[in-house]
PDB file of N, CA and C in Angstrom:
ATOM      1  N   UNK A   1       0.811  -1.214   0.000  1.00  0.00           N
ATOM      2  CA  UNK A   1       0.000   0.000   0.000  1.00  0.00           C
ATOM      3  C   UNK A   1       0.847   1.268   0.000  1.00  0.00           C
ATOM      4  N   UNK A   2       2.042   1.175   0.601  1.00  0.00           N
ATOM      5  CA  UNK A   2       2.880   2.381   0.627  1.00  0.00           C
ATOM      6  C   UNK A   2       3.369   2.766  -0.761  1.00  0.00           C
ATOM      7  N   UNK A   3       3.302   1.828  -1.718  1.00  0.00           N
ATOM      8  CA  UNK A   3       3.700   2.198  -3.080  1.00  0.00           C
ATOM      9  C   UNK A   3       2.770   3.269  -3.648  1.00  0.00           C
ATOM     10  N   UNK A   4       1.515   3.297  -3.207  1.00  0.00           N
ATOM     11  CA  UNK A   4       0.593   4.345  -3.668  1.00  0.00           C
ATOM     12  C   UNK A   4       1.038   5.722  -3.175  1.00  0.00           C
ATOM     13  N   UNK A   5       1.575   5.770  -1.974  1.00  0.00           N
ATOM     14  CA  UNK A   5       2.095   7.043  -1.438  1.00  0.00           C
ATOM     15  C   UNK A   5       3.274   7.504  -2.272  1.00  0.00           C
ATOM     16  N   UNK A   6       4.152   6.580  -2.637  1.00  0.00           N
ATOM     17  CA  UNK A   6       5.326   6.944  -3.438  1.00  0.00           C
ATOM     18  C   UNK A   6       4.931   7.354  -4.849  1.00  0.00           C
ATOM     19  N   UNK A   7       3.912   6.702  -5.411  1.00  0.00           N
ATOM     20  CA  UNK A   7       3.413   7.096  -6.735  1.00  0.00           C
ATOM     21  C   UNK A   7       2.831   8.505  -6.654  1.00  0.00           C
ATOM     22  N   UNK A   8       2.018   8.754  -5.644  1.00  0.00           N
ATOM     23  CA  UNK A   8       1.423  10.087  -5.461  1.00  0.00           C
ATOM     24  C   UNK A   8       2.508  11.137  -5.258  1.00  0.00           C
ATOM     25  N   UNK A   9       3.538  10.806  -4.482  1.00  0.00           N
ATOM     26  CA  UNK A   9       4.640  11.752  -4.250  1.00  0.00           C
ATOM     27  C   UNK A   9       5.372  12.048  -5.552  1.00  0.00           C
ATOM     28  N   UNK A  10       5.617  11.016  -6.341  1.00  0.00           N
ATOM     29  CA  UNK A  10       6.298  11.200  -7.626  1.00  0.00           C
ATOM     30  C   UNK A  10       5.502  12.142  -8.523  1.00  0.00           C
ATOM     31  N   UNK A  11       4.218  11.876  -8.651  1.00  0.00           N
ATOM     32  CA  UNK A  11       3.378  12.700  -9.525  1.00  0.00           C
ATOM     33  C   UNK A  11       3.219  14.115  -8.983  1.00  0.00           C
ATOM     34  N   UNK A  12       3.031  14.259  -7.685  1.00  0.00           N
ATOM     35  CA  UNK A  12       2.833  15.581  -7.086  1.00  0.00           C
ATOM     36  C   UNK A  12       4.088  16.437  -7.183  1.00  0.00           C
ATOM     37  N   UNK A  13       5.225  15.856  -6.865  1.00  0.00           N
ATOM     38  CA  UNK A  13       6.477  16.621  -6.930  1.00  0.00           C
ATOM     39  C   UNK A  13       6.825  16.994  -8.367  1.00  0.00           C
ATOM     40  N   UNK A  14       6.571  16.089  -9.298  1.00  0.00           N
ATOM     41  CA  UNK A  14       6.798  16.408 -10.708  1.00  0.00           C
ATOM     42  C   UNK A  14       5.870  17.517 -11.183  1.00  0.00           C
ATOM     43  N   UNK A  15       4.618  17.452 -10.771  1.00  0.00           N
ATOM     44  CA  UNK A  15       3.645  18.492 -11.107  1.00  0.00           C
ATOM     45  C   UNK A  15       4.081  19.840 -10.536  1.00  0.00           C
ATOM     46  N   UNK A  16       4.498  19.840  -9.283  1.00  0.00           N
ATOM     47  CA  UNK A  16       4.983  21.075  -8.661  1.00  0.00           C
ATOM     48  C   UNK A  16       6.130  21.669  -9.483  1.00  0.00           C
ATOM     49  N   UNK A  17       7.090  20.846  -9.851  1.00  0.00           N
ATOM     50  CA  UNK A  17       8.233  21.322 -10.621  1.00  0.00           C
ATOM     51  C   UNK A  17       7.825  21.946 -11.936  1.00  0.00           C
ATOM     52  N   UNK A  18       6.901  21.315 -12.650  1.00  0.00           N
ATOM     53  CA  UNK A  18       6.443  21.831 -13.946  1.00  0.00           C
ATOM     54  C   UNK A  18       5.721  23.172 -13.803  1.00  0.00           C
ATOM     55  N   UNK A  19       4.835  23.257 -12.814  1.00  0.00           N
ATOM     56  CA  UNK A  19       4.066  24.493 -12.636  1.00  0.00           C
ATOM     57  C   UNK A  19       4.949  25.653 -12.203  1.00  0.00           C
ATOM     58  N   UNK A  20       5.875  25.396 -11.301  1.00  0.00           N
ATOM     59  CA  UNK A  20       6.774  26.456 -10.837  1.00  0.00           C
ATOM     60  C   UNK A  20       7.664  26.934 -11.977  1.00  0.00           C
ATOM     61  N   UNK A  21       8.193  25.993 -12.756  1.00  0.00           N
ATOM     62  CA  UNK A  21       9.065  26.386 -13.865  1.00  0.00           C
ATOM     63  C   UNK A  21       8.303  27.256 -14.872  1.00  0.00           C
ATOM     64  N   UNK A  22       7.066  26.894 -15.185  1.00  0.00           N
ATOM     65  CA  UNK A  22       6.286  27.691 -16.134  1.00  0.00           C
ATOM     66  C   UNK A  22       5.978  29.068 -15.567  1.00  0.00           C
ATOM     67  N   UNK A  23       5.574  29.112 -14.313  1.00  0.00           N
ATOM     68  CA  UNK A  23       5.270  30.386 -13.641  1.00  0.00           C
ATOM     69  C   UNK A  23       6.461  31.331 -13.708  1.00  0.00           C
ATOM     70  N   UNK A  24       7.627  30.822 -13.331  1.00  0.00           N
ATOM     71  CA  UNK A  24       8.812  31.671 -13.293  1.00  0.00           C
ATOM     72  C   UNK A  24       9.349  31.949 -14.699  1.00  0.00           C
ATOM     73  N   UNK A  25       9.206  31.014 -15.622  1.00  0.00           N
ATOM     74  CA  UNK A  25       9.645  31.256 -17.004  1.00  0.00           C
ATOM     75  C   UNK A  25       8.847  32.392 -17.620  1.00  0.00           C
ATOM     76  N   UNK A  26       7.539  32.408 -17.376  1.00  0.00           N
ATOM     77  CA  UNK A  26       6.723  33.510 -17.888  1.00  0.00           C
ATOM     78  C   UNK A  26       7.183  34.841 -17.313  1.00  0.00           C
ATOM     79  N   UNK A  27       7.462  34.855 -16.027  1.00  0.00           N
ATOM     80  CA  UNK A  27       7.900  36.086 -15.367  1.00  0.00           C
ATOM     81  C   UNK A  27       9.240  36.562 -15.923  1.00  0.00           C
ATOM     82  N   UNK A  28      10.207  35.662 -15.988  1.00  0.00           N
ATOM     83  CA  UNK A  28      11.549  36.054 -16.436  1.00  0.00           C
ATOM     84  C   UNK A  28      11.614  36.327 -17.928  1.00  0.00           C
ATOM     85  N   UNK A  29      10.791  35.653 -18.714  1.00  0.00           N
ATOM     86  CA  UNK A  29      10.768  35.915 -20.158  1.00  0.00           C
ATOM     87  C   UNK A  29      10.289  37.336 -20.416  1.00  0.00           C
ATOM     88  N   UNK A  30       9.298  37.769 -19.659  1.00  0.00           N
ATOM     89  CA  UNK A  30       8.784  39.134 -19.834  1.00  0.00           C
ATOM     90  C   UNK A  30       9.849  40.164 -19.469  1.00  0.00           C
ATOM     91  N   UNK A  31      10.628  39.875 -18.445  1.00  0.00           N
ATOM     92  CA  UNK A  31      11.676  40.811 -18.013  1.00  0.00           C
ATOM     93  C   UNK A  31      12.877  40.809 -18.967  1.00  0.00           C
ATOM     94  N   UNK A  32      13.106  39.683 -19.635  1.00  0.00           N
ATOM     95  CA  UNK A  32      14.307  39.539 -20.458  1.00  0.00           C
ATOM     96  C   UNK A  32      14.104  39.981 -21.903  1.00  0.00           C
ATOM     97  N   UNK A  33      12.924  40.505 -22.224  1.00  0.00           N
ATOM     98  CA  UNK A  33      12.669  40.939 -23.603  1.00  0.00           C
ATOM     99  C   UNK A  33      13.728  41.962 -24.005  1.00  0.00           C
ATOM    100  N   UNK A  34      14.395  41.683 -25.109  1.00  0.00           N
ATOM    101  CA  UNK A  34      15.422  42.577 -25.609  1.00  0.00           C
ATOM    102  C   UNK A  34      16.805  42.320 -25.022  1.00  0.00           C
ATOM    103  N   UNK A  35      16.883  41.438 -24.033  1.00  0.00           N
ATOM    104  CA  UNK A  35      18.181  41.158 -23.402  1.00  0.00           C
ATOM    105  C   UNK A  35      18.759  39.812 -23.824  1.00  0.00           C
ATOM    106  N   UNK A  36      17.943  38.932 -24.334  1.00  0.00           N
ATOM    107  CA  UNK A  36      18.427  37.660 -24.848  1.00  0.00           C
ATOM    108  C   UNK A  36      18.356  36.517 -23.857  1.00  0.00           C
ATOM    109  N   UNK A  37      18.738  35.379 -24.352  1.00  0.00           N
ATOM    110  CA  UNK A  37      18.643  34.145 -23.581  1.00  0.00           C
ATOM    111  C   UNK A  37      19.599  34.059 -22.410  1.00  0.00           C
ATOM    112  N   UNK A  38      20.816  34.561 -22.501  1.00  0.00           N
ATOM    113  CA  UNK A  38      21.703  34.446 -21.337  1.00  0.00           C
ATOM    114  C   UNK A  38      21.117  35.091 -20.073  1.00  0.00           C
ATOM    115  N   UNK A  39      20.496  36.256 -20.231  1.00  0.00           N
ATOM    116  CA  UNK A  39      19.896  36.910 -19.067  1.00  0.00           C
ATOM    117  C   UNK A  39      18.722  36.101 -18.534  1.00  0.00           C
ATOM    118  N   UNK A  40      17.920  35.558 -19.443  1.00  0.00           N
ATOM    119  CA  UNK A  40      16.794  34.723 -19.038  1.00  0.00           C
ATOM    120  C   UNK A  40      17.287  33.495 -18.262  1.00  0.00           C
ATOM    121  N   UNK A  41      18.293  32.814 -18.814  1.00  0.00           N
ATOM    122  CA  UNK A  41      18.821  31.624 -18.142  1.00  0.00           C
ATOM    123  C   UNK A  41      19.418  31.962 -16.775  1.00  0.00           C
ATOM    124  N   UNK A  42      20.140  33.068 -16.704  1.00  0.00           N
ATOM    125  CA  UNK A  42      20.721  33.468 -15.420  1.00  0.00           C
ATOM    126  C   UNK A  42      19.610  33.746 -14.406  1.00  0.00           C
ATOM    127  N   UNK A  43      18.585  34.448 -14.840  1.00  0.00           N
ATOM    128  CA  UNK A  43      17.473  34.748 -13.941  1.00  0.00           C
ATOM    129  C   UNK A  43      16.785  33.468 -13.484  1.00  0.00           C
ATOM    130  N   UNK A  44      16.590  32.534 -14.394  1.00  0.00           N
ATOM    131  CA  UNK A  44      15.946  31.269 -14.029  1.00  0.00           C
ATOM    132  C   UNK A  44      16.811  30.465 -13.059  1.00  0.00           C
ATOM    133  N   UNK A  45      18.099  30.373 -13.365  1.00  0.00           N
ATOM    134  CA  UNK A  45      18.980  29.527 -12.553  1.00  0.00           C
ATOM    135  C   UNK A  45      19.324  30.131 -11.194  1.00  0.00           C
ATOM    136  N   UNK A  46      19.009  31.391 -10.998  1.00  0.00           N
ATOM    137  CA  UNK A  46      19.250  32.013  -9.691  1.00  0.00           C
ATOM    138  C   UNK A  46      17.954  32.311  -8.945  1.00  0.00           C
ATOM    139  N   UNK A  47      16.841  31.900  -9.492  1.00  0.00           N
ATOM    140  CA  UNK A  47      15.537  32.127  -8.881  1.00  0.00           C
ATOM    141  C   UNK A  47      15.262  31.027  -7.848  1.00  0.00           C
ATOM    142  N   UNK A  48      15.034  31.380  -6.590  1.00  0.00           N
ATOM    143  CA  UNK A  48      14.767  30.360  -5.562  1.00  0.00           C
ATOM    144  C   UNK A  48      13.562  29.471  -5.886  1.00  0.00           C
ATOM    145  N   UNK A  49      12.537  30.043  -6.515  1.00  0.00           N
ATOM    146  CA  UNK A  49      11.378  29.233  -6.887  1.00  0.00           C
ATOM    147  C   UNK A  49      11.754  28.194  -7.934  1.00  0.00           C
ATOM    148  N   UNK A  50      12.532  28.598  -8.919  1.00  0.00           N
ATOM    149  CA  UNK A  50      12.971  27.646  -9.950  1.00  0.00           C
ATOM    150  C   UNK A  50      13.813  26.550  -9.310  1.00  0.00           C
ATOM    151  N   UNK A  51      14.694  26.943  -8.409  1.00  0.00           N
ATOM    152  CA  UNK A  51      15.517  25.949  -7.725  1.00  0.00           C
ATOM    153  C   UNK A  51      14.652  24.990  -6.912  1.00  0.00           C
ATOM    154  N   UNK A  52      13.572  25.500  -6.325  1.00  0.00           N
ATOM    155  CA  UNK A  52      12.675  24.607  -5.588  1.00  0.00           C
ATOM    156  C   UNK A  52      11.953  23.662  -6.551  1.00  0.00           C
ATOM    157  N   UNK A  53      11.625  24.160  -7.745  1.00  0.00           N
ATOM    158  CA  UNK A  53      11.007  23.300  -8.758  1.00  0.00           C
ATOM    159  C   UNK A  53      11.952  22.201  -9.216  1.00  0.00           C
ATOM    160  N   UNK A  54      13.213  22.563  -9.404  1.00  0.00           N
ATOM    161  CA  UNK A  54      14.216  21.557  -9.759  1.00  0.00           C
ATOM    162  C   UNK A  54      14.401  20.560  -8.614  1.00  0.00           C
ATOM    163  N   UNK A  55      14.352  21.076  -7.389  1.00  0.00           N
ATOM    164  CA  UNK A  55      14.427  20.194  -6.224  1.00  0.00           C
ATOM    165  C   UNK A  55      13.240  19.248  -6.173  1.00  0.00           C
ATOM    166  N   UNK A  56      12.058  19.766  -6.516  1.00  0.00           N
ATOM    167  CA  UNK A  56      10.873  18.917  -6.570  1.00  0.00           C
ATOM    168  C   UNK A  56      11.030  17.800  -7.594  1.00  0.00           C
ATOM    169  N   UNK A  57      11.587  18.133  -8.748  1.00  0.00           N
ATOM    170  CA  UNK A  57      11.820  17.121  -9.780  1.00  0.00           C
ATOM    171  C   UNK A  57      12.828  16.075  -9.298  1.00  0.00           C
ATOM    172  N   UNK A  58      13.852  16.536  -8.593  1.00  0.00           N
ATOM    173  CA  UNK A  58      14.846  15.602  -8.035  1.00  0.00           C
ATOM    174  C   UNK A  58      14.188  14.684  -7.011  1.00  0.00           C
ATOM    175  N   UNK A  59      13.386  15.257  -6.107  1.00  0.00           N
ATOM    176  CA  UNK A  59      12.703  14.446  -5.106  1.00  0.00           C
ATOM    177  C   UNK A  59      11.687  13.490  -5.743  1.00  0.00           C
ATOM    178  N   UNK A  60      11.081  13.914  -6.847  1.00  0.00           N
ATOM    179  CA  UNK A  60      10.181  13.020  -7.582  1.00  0.00           C
ATOM    180  C   UNK A  60      10.955  11.799  -8.081  1.00  0.00           C
ATOM    181  N   UNK A  61      12.189  12.019  -8.528  1.00  0.00           N
ATOM    182  CA  UNK A  61      13.026  10.902  -8.981  1.00  0.00           C
ATOM    183  C   UNK A  61      13.346   9.949  -7.832  1.00  0.00           C
ATOM    184  N   UNK A  62      13.604  10.504  -6.666  1.00  0.00           N
ATOM    185  CA  UNK A  62      13.868   9.672  -5.483  1.00  0.00           C
ATOM    186  C   UNK A  62      12.615   8.859  -5.138  1.00  0.00           C
ATOM    187  N   UNK A  63      11.461   9.521  -5.129  1.00  0.00           N
ATOM    188  CA  UNK A  63      10.207   8.815  -4.827  1.00  0.00           C
ATOM    189  C   UNK A  63       9.967   7.700  -5.843  1.00  0.00           C
ATOM    190  N   UNK A  64      10.288   7.968  -7.107  1.00  0.00           N
ATOM    191  CA  UNK A  64      10.090   6.954  -8.149  1.00  0.00           C
ATOM    192  C   UNK A  64      11.001   5.749  -7.922  1.00  0.00           C
ATOM    193  N   UNK A  65      12.173   5.992  -7.378  1.00  0.00           N
ATOM    194  CA  UNK A  65      13.049   4.865  -7.039  1.00  0.00           C
ATOM    195  C   UNK A  65      12.376   3.939  -6.034  1.00  0.00           C
ATOM    196  N   UNK A  66      11.652   4.527  -5.070  1.00  0.00           N
ATOM    197  CA  UNK A  66      10.932   3.717  -4.089  1.00  0.00           C
ATOM    198  C   UNK A  66       9.750   2.990  -4.727  1.00  0.00           C
ATOM    199  N   UNK A  67       9.148   3.613  -5.730  1.00  0.00           N
ATOM    200  CA  UNK A  67       8.088   2.934  -6.482  1.00  0.00           C
ATOM    201  C   UNK A  67       8.667   1.701  -7.164  1.00  0.00           C
ATOM    202  N   UNK A  68       9.807   1.886  -7.820  1.00  0.00           N
ATOM    203  CA  UNK A  68      10.429   0.788  -8.558  1.00  0.00           C
ATOM    204  C   UNK A  68      10.930  -0.318  -7.643  1.00  0.00           C
ATOM    205  N   UNK A  69      11.207   0.037  -6.395  1.00  0.00           N
ATOM    206  CA  UNK A  69      11.626  -0.983  -5.428  1.00  0.00           C
ATOM    207  C   UNK A  69      10.476  -1.953  -5.142  1.00  0.00           C
ATOM    208  N   UNK A  70       9.248  -1.467  -5.265  1.00  0.00           N
ATOM    209  CA  UNK A  70       8.081  -2.247  -4.861  1.00  0.00           C
ATOM    210  C   UNK A  70       7.248  -2.799  -6.025  1.00  0.00           C
ATOM    211  N   UNK A  71       7.374  -2.194  -7.185  1.00  0.00           N
ATOM    212  CA  UNK A  71       6.529  -2.585  -8.314  1.00  0.00           C
ATOM    213  C   UNK A  71       7.370  -2.893  -9.542  1.00  0.00           C
ATOM    214  N   UNK A  72       6.882  -3.775 -10.393  1.00  0.00           N
ATOM    215  CA  UNK A  72       7.592  -4.008 -11.656  1.00  0.00           C
ATOM    216  C   UNK A  72       7.505  -2.769 -12.547  1.00  0.00           C
ATOM    217  N   UNK A  73       8.524  -2.559 -13.318  1.00  0.00           N
ATOM    218  CA  UNK A  73       8.577  -1.406 -14.214  1.00  0.00           C
ATOM    219  C   UNK A  73       7.398  -1.408 -15.182  1.00  0.00           C
ATOM    220  N   UNK A  74       7.004  -2.584 -15.644  1.00  0.00           N
ATOM    221  CA  UNK A  74       5.899  -2.674 -16.598  1.00  0.00           C
ATOM    222  C   UNK A  74       4.577  -2.175 -16.005  1.00  0.00           C
ATOM    223  N   UNK A  75       4.459  -2.154 -14.682  1.00  0.00           N
ATOM    224  CA  UNK A  75       3.268  -1.619 -14.021  1.00  0.00           C
ATOM    225  C   UNK A  75       3.473  -0.167 -13.598  1.00  0.00           C
ATOM    226  N   UNK A  76       4.658   0.146 -13.072  1.00  0.00           N
ATOM    227  CA  UNK A  76       4.925   1.481 -12.526  1.00  0.00           C
ATOM    228  C   UNK A  76       5.013   2.546 -13.615  1.00  0.00           C
ATOM    229  N   UNK A  77       5.666   2.232 -14.704  1.00  0.00           N
ATOM    230  CA  UNK A  77       5.915   3.257 -15.720  1.00  0.00           C
ATOM    231  C   UNK A  77       4.641   3.816 -16.338  1.00  0.00           C
ATOM    232  N   UNK A  78       3.659   2.978 -16.682  1.00  0.00           N
ATOM    233  CA  UNK A  78       2.419   3.558 -17.215  1.00  0.00           C
ATOM    234  C   UNK A  78       1.734   4.516 -16.233  1.00  0.00           C
ATOM    235  N   UNK A  79       1.871   4.285 -14.938  1.00  0.00           N
ATOM    236  CA  UNK A  79       1.283   5.200 -13.957  1.00  0.00           C
ATOM    237  C   UNK A  79       1.903   6.589 -14.044  1.00  0.00           C
ATOM    238  N   UNK A  80       3.155   6.653 -14.432  1.00  0.00           N
ATOM    239  CA  UNK A  80       3.822   7.948 -14.556  1.00  0.00           C
ATOM    240  C   UNK A  80       3.248   8.749 -15.723  1.00  0.00           C
ATOM    241  N   UNK A  81       2.574   8.064 -16.646  1.00  0.00           N
ATOM    242  CA  UNK A  81       1.933   8.762 -17.765  1.00  0.00           C
ATOM    243  C   UNK A  81       0.819   9.681 -17.275  1.00  0.00           C
ATOM    244  N   UNK A  82       0.351   9.468 -16.051  1.00  0.00           N
ATOM    245  CA  UNK A  82      -0.671  10.360 -15.503  1.00  0.00           C
ATOM    246  C   UNK A  82      -0.161  11.796 -15.388  1.00  0.00           C
ATOM    247  N   UNK A  83       1.145  11.972 -15.345  1.00  0.00           N
ATOM    248  CA  UNK A  83       1.683  13.339 -15.310  1.00  0.00           C
ATOM    249  C   UNK A  83       1.321  14.091 -16.595  1.00  0.00           C
ATOM    250  N   UNK A  84       1.167  13.350 -17.704  1.00  0.00           N
ATOM    251  CA  UNK A  84       0.782  13.982 -18.971  1.00  0.00           C
ATOM    252  C   UNK A  84      -0.667  14.463 -18.940  1.00  0.00           C
ATOM    253  N   UNK A  85      -1.424  13.994 -17.962  1.00  0.00           N
ATOM    254  CA  UNK A  85      -2.797  14.448 -17.767  1.00  0.00           C
ATOM    255  C   UNK A  85      -2.835  15.533 -16.681  1.00  0.00           C
ATOM    256  N   UNK A  86      -2.145  15.281 -15.585  1.00  0.00           N
ATOM    257  CA  UNK A  86      -2.179  16.199 -14.447  1.00  0.00           C
ATOM    258  C   UNK A  86      -1.619  17.574 -14.774  1.00  0.00           C
ATOM    259  N   UNK A  87      -0.520  17.626 -15.510  1.00  0.00           N
ATOM    260  CA  UNK A  87       0.113  18.918 -15.798  1.00  0.00           C
ATOM    261  C   UNK A  87      -0.795  19.808 -16.662  1.00  0.00           C
ATOM    262  N   UNK A  88      -1.354  19.326 -17.767  1.00  0.00           N
ATOM    263  CA  UNK A  88      -2.246  20.208 -18.526  1.00  0.00           C
ATOM    264  C   UNK A  88      -3.493  20.629 -17.748  1.00  0.00           C
ATOM    265  N   UNK A  89      -4.075  19.712 -16.984  1.00  0.00           N
ATOM    266  CA  UNK A  89      -5.269  20.063 -16.213  1.00  0.00           C
ATOM    267  C   UNK A  89      -4.921  21.107 -15.151  1.00  0.00           C
ATOM    268  N   UNK A  90      -3.819  20.906 -14.444  1.00  0.00           N
ATOM    269  CA  UNK A  90      -3.393  21.884 -13.437  1.00  0.00           C
ATOM    270  C   UNK A  90      -3.031  23.210 -14.086  1.00  0.00           C
ATOM    271  N   UNK A  91      -2.461  23.151 -15.281  1.00  0.00           N
ATOM    272  CA  UNK A  91      -2.124  24.377 -16.006  1.00  0.00           C
ATOM    273  C   UNK A  91      -3.367  25.197 -16.306  1.00  0.00           C
ATOM    274  N   UNK A  92      -4.440  24.526 -16.661  1.00  0.00           N
ATOM    275  CA  UNK A  92      -5.709  25.228 -16.901  1.00  0.00           C
ATOM    276  C   UNK A  92      -6.177  25.886 -15.603  1.00  0.00           C
ATOM    277  N   UNK A  93      -6.111  25.150 -14.508  1.00  0.00           N
ATOM    278  CA  UNK A  93      -6.585  25.668 -13.219  1.00  0.00           C
ATOM    279  C   UNK A  93      -5.718  26.816 -12.704  1.00  0.00           C
ATOM    280  N   UNK A  94      -4.406  26.690 -12.860  1.00  0.00           N
ATOM    281  CA  UNK A  94      -3.480  27.677 -12.295  1.00  0.00           C
ATOM    282  C   UNK A  94      -3.279  28.873 -13.225  1.00  0.00           C
ATOM    283  N   UNK A  95      -3.092  28.600 -14.505  1.00  0.00           N
ATOM    284  CA  UNK A  95      -2.742  29.666 -15.444  1.00  0.00           C
ATOM    285  C   UNK A  95      -3.902  30.106 -16.331  1.00  0.00           C
ATOM    286  N   UNK A  96      -5.030  29.430 -16.214  1.00  0.00           N
ATOM    287  CA  UNK A  96      -6.199  29.820 -16.992  1.00  0.00           C
ATOM    288  C   UNK A  96      -6.137  29.445 -18.457  1.00  0.00           C
ATOM    289  N   UNK A  97      -5.329  28.469 -18.789  1.00  0.00           N
ATOM    290  CA  UNK A  97      -5.250  28.035 -20.180  1.00  0.00           C
ATOM    291  C   UNK A  97      -6.483  27.263 -20.598  1.00  0.00           C
ATOM    292  N   UNK A  98      -6.461  26.767 -21.790  1.00  0.00           N
ATOM    293  CA  UNK A  98      -7.575  25.982 -22.313  1.00  0.00           C
ATOM    294  C   UNK A  98      -7.037  24.668 -22.873  1.00  0.00           C
ATOM    295  N   UNK A  99      -7.877  23.655 -22.816  1.00  0.00           N
ATOM    296  CA  UNK A  99      -7.540  22.369 -23.418  1.00  0.00           C
ATOM    297  C   UNK A  99      -8.496  22.149 -24.582  1.00  0.00           C
ATOM    298  N   UNK A 100      -7.967  22.152 -25.813  1.00  0.00           N
ATOM    299  CA  UNK A 100      -8.822  21.906 -26.970  1.00  0.00           C
ATOM    300  C   UNK A 100      -9.443  20.503 -26.905  1.00  0.00           C
ATOM    301  N   UNK A 101     -10.533  20.329 -27.593  1.00  0.00           N
ATOM    302  CA  UNK A 101     -11.269  19.067 -27.572  1.00  0.00           C
ATOM    303  C   UNK A 101     -10.392  17.880 -27.976  1.00  0.00           C
ATOM    304  N   UNK A 102      -9.583  18.050 -29.001  1.00  0.00           N
ATOM    305  CA  UNK A 102      -8.723  16.952 -29.458  1.00  0.00           C
ATOM    306  C   UNK A 102      -7.715  16.584 -28.369  1.00  0.00           C
ATOM    307  N   UNK A 103      -7.152  17.586 -27.705  1.00  0.00           N
ATOM    308  CA  UNK A 103      -6.217  17.308 -26.620  1.00  0.00           C
ATOM    309  C   UNK A 103      -6.940  16.638 -25.451  1.00  0.00           C
ATOM    310  N   UNK A 104      -8.143  17.088 -25.129  1.00  0.00           N
ATOM    311  CA  UNK A 104      -8.925  16.474 -24.048  1.00  0.00           C
ATOM    312  C   UNK A 104      -9.183  15.002 -24.362  1.00  0.00           C
ATOM    313  N   UNK A 105      -9.460  14.705 -25.616  1.00  0.00           N
ATOM    314  CA  UNK A 105      -9.665  13.306 -26.019  1.00  0.00           C
ATOM    315  C   UNK A 105      -8.384  12.506 -25.817  1.00  0.00           C
ATOM    316  N   UNK A 106      -7.263  13.100 -26.178  1.00  0.00           N
ATOM    317  CA  UNK A 106      -5.974  12.434 -25.971  1.00  0.00           C
ATOM    318  C   UNK A 106      -5.702  12.180 -24.492  1.00  0.00           C
ATOM    319  N   UNK A 107      -6.022  13.164 -23.657  1.00  0.00           N
ATOM    320  CA  UNK A 107      -5.831  13.000 -22.218  1.00  0.00           C
ATOM    321  C   UNK A 107      -6.733  11.891 -21.684  1.00  0.00           C
ATOM    322  N   UNK A 108      -7.953  11.820 -22.184  1.00  0.00           N
ATOM    323  CA  UNK A 108      -8.870  10.757 -21.773  1.00  0.00           C
ATOM    324  C   UNK A 108      -8.336   9.387 -22.181  1.00  0.00           C
ATOM    325  N   UNK A 109      -7.732   9.314 -23.360  1.00  0.00           N
ATOM    326  CA  UNK A 109      -7.136   8.050 -23.802  1.00  0.00           C
ATOM    327  C   UNK A 109      -5.969   7.640 -22.905  1.00  0.00           C
ATOM    328  N   UNK A 110      -5.196   8.615 -22.448  1.00  0.00           N
ATOM    329  CA  UNK A 110      -4.106   8.307 -21.523  1.00  0.00           C
ATOM    330  C   UNK A 110      -4.671   7.708 -20.237  1.00  0.00           C
ATOM    331  N   UNK A 111      -5.711   8.337 -19.688  1.00  0.00           N
ATOM    332  CA  UNK A 111      -6.326   7.829 -18.470  1.00  0.00           C
ATOM    333  C   UNK A 111      -6.867   6.416 -18.709  1.00  0.00           C
ATOM    334  N   UNK A 112      -7.506   6.192 -19.843  1.00  0.00           N
ATOM    335  CA  UNK A 112      -8.018   4.867 -20.170  1.00  0.00           C
ATOM    336  C   UNK A 112      -6.879   3.857 -20.244  1.00  0.00           C
ATOM    337  N   UNK A 113      -5.803   4.226 -20.910  1.00  0.00           N
ATOM    338  CA  UNK A 113      -4.660   3.327 -21.030  1.00  0.00           C
ATOM    339  C   UNK A 113      -4.033   2.988 -19.691  1.00  0.00           C
ATOM    340  N   UNK A 114      -3.875   4.001 -18.840  1.00  0.00           N
ATOM    341  CA  UNK A 114      -3.316   3.765 -17.508  1.00  0.00           C
ATOM    342  C   UNK A 114      -4.256   2.869 -16.700  1.00  0.00           C
ATOM    343  N   UNK A 115      -5.558   3.116 -16.825  1.00  0.00           N
ATOM    344  CA  UNK A 115      -6.543   2.302 -16.105  1.00  0.00           C
ATOM    345  C   UNK A 115      -6.477   0.841 -16.549  1.00  0.00           C
ATOM    346  N   UNK A 116      -6.404   0.620 -17.848  1.00  0.00           N
ATOM    347  CA  UNK A 116      -6.314  -0.752 -18.346  1.00  0.00           C
ATOM    348  C   UNK A 116      -5.021  -1.403 -17.880  1.00  0.00           C
ATOM    349  N   UNK A 117      -3.948  -0.653 -17.882  1.00  0.00           N
ATOM    350  CA  UNK A 117      -2.669  -1.188 -17.419  1.00  0.00           C
ATOM    351  C   UNK A 117      -2.740  -1.568 -15.940  1.00  0.00           C
ATOM    352  N   UNK A 118      -3.387  -0.721 -15.152  1.00  0.00           N
ATOM    353  CA  UNK A 118      -3.511  -0.981 -13.711  1.00  0.00           C
ATOM    354  C   UNK A 118      -4.395  -2.213 -13.470  1.00  0.00           C
ATOM    355  N   UNK A 119      -5.430  -2.360 -14.271  1.00  0.00           N
ATOM    356  CA  UNK A 119      -6.325  -3.514 -14.106  1.00  0.00           C
ATOM    357  C   UNK A 119      -5.636  -4.827 -14.447  1.00  0.00           C
ATOM    358  N   UNK A 120      -4.614  -4.760 -15.300  1.00  0.00           N
ATOM    359  CA  UNK A 120      -3.920  -5.972 -15.714  1.00  0.00           C
ATOM    360  C   UNK A 120      -3.113  -6.596 -14.582  1.00  0.00           C
ATOM    361  N   UNK A 121      -2.834  -5.829 -13.552  1.00  0.00           N
ATOM    362  CA  UNK A 121      -2.070  -6.367 -12.410  1.00  0.00           C
ATOM    363  C   UNK A 121      -3.004  -7.148 -11.582  1.00  0.00           C
TER     364      UNK A 121
END
């Protein structure tokens, strides 16, 4: 049962990293207009929020190691595909974006595929 906690931690920390990076990239891109990529990269790499997002991604990797300790890769890896659903949905909620119908259908297919994979265990 603890493997579910590690799966949730992996997905949550990865989601955190993606959202923080996008939030700060938007901010720094607006400030770096006319200054070029080196200034943007420097701003990103020295931003505490970006560093926390990178830390979240690192911790997600650690959590995934614990998932792999308990589950076969053929079962664990498809569960990680849920990040391809969680990130766009959270992006809509946090940043106010939109998910076109075709993309929503694709996301639904991912959920269906992960569900079928989980049922196979």
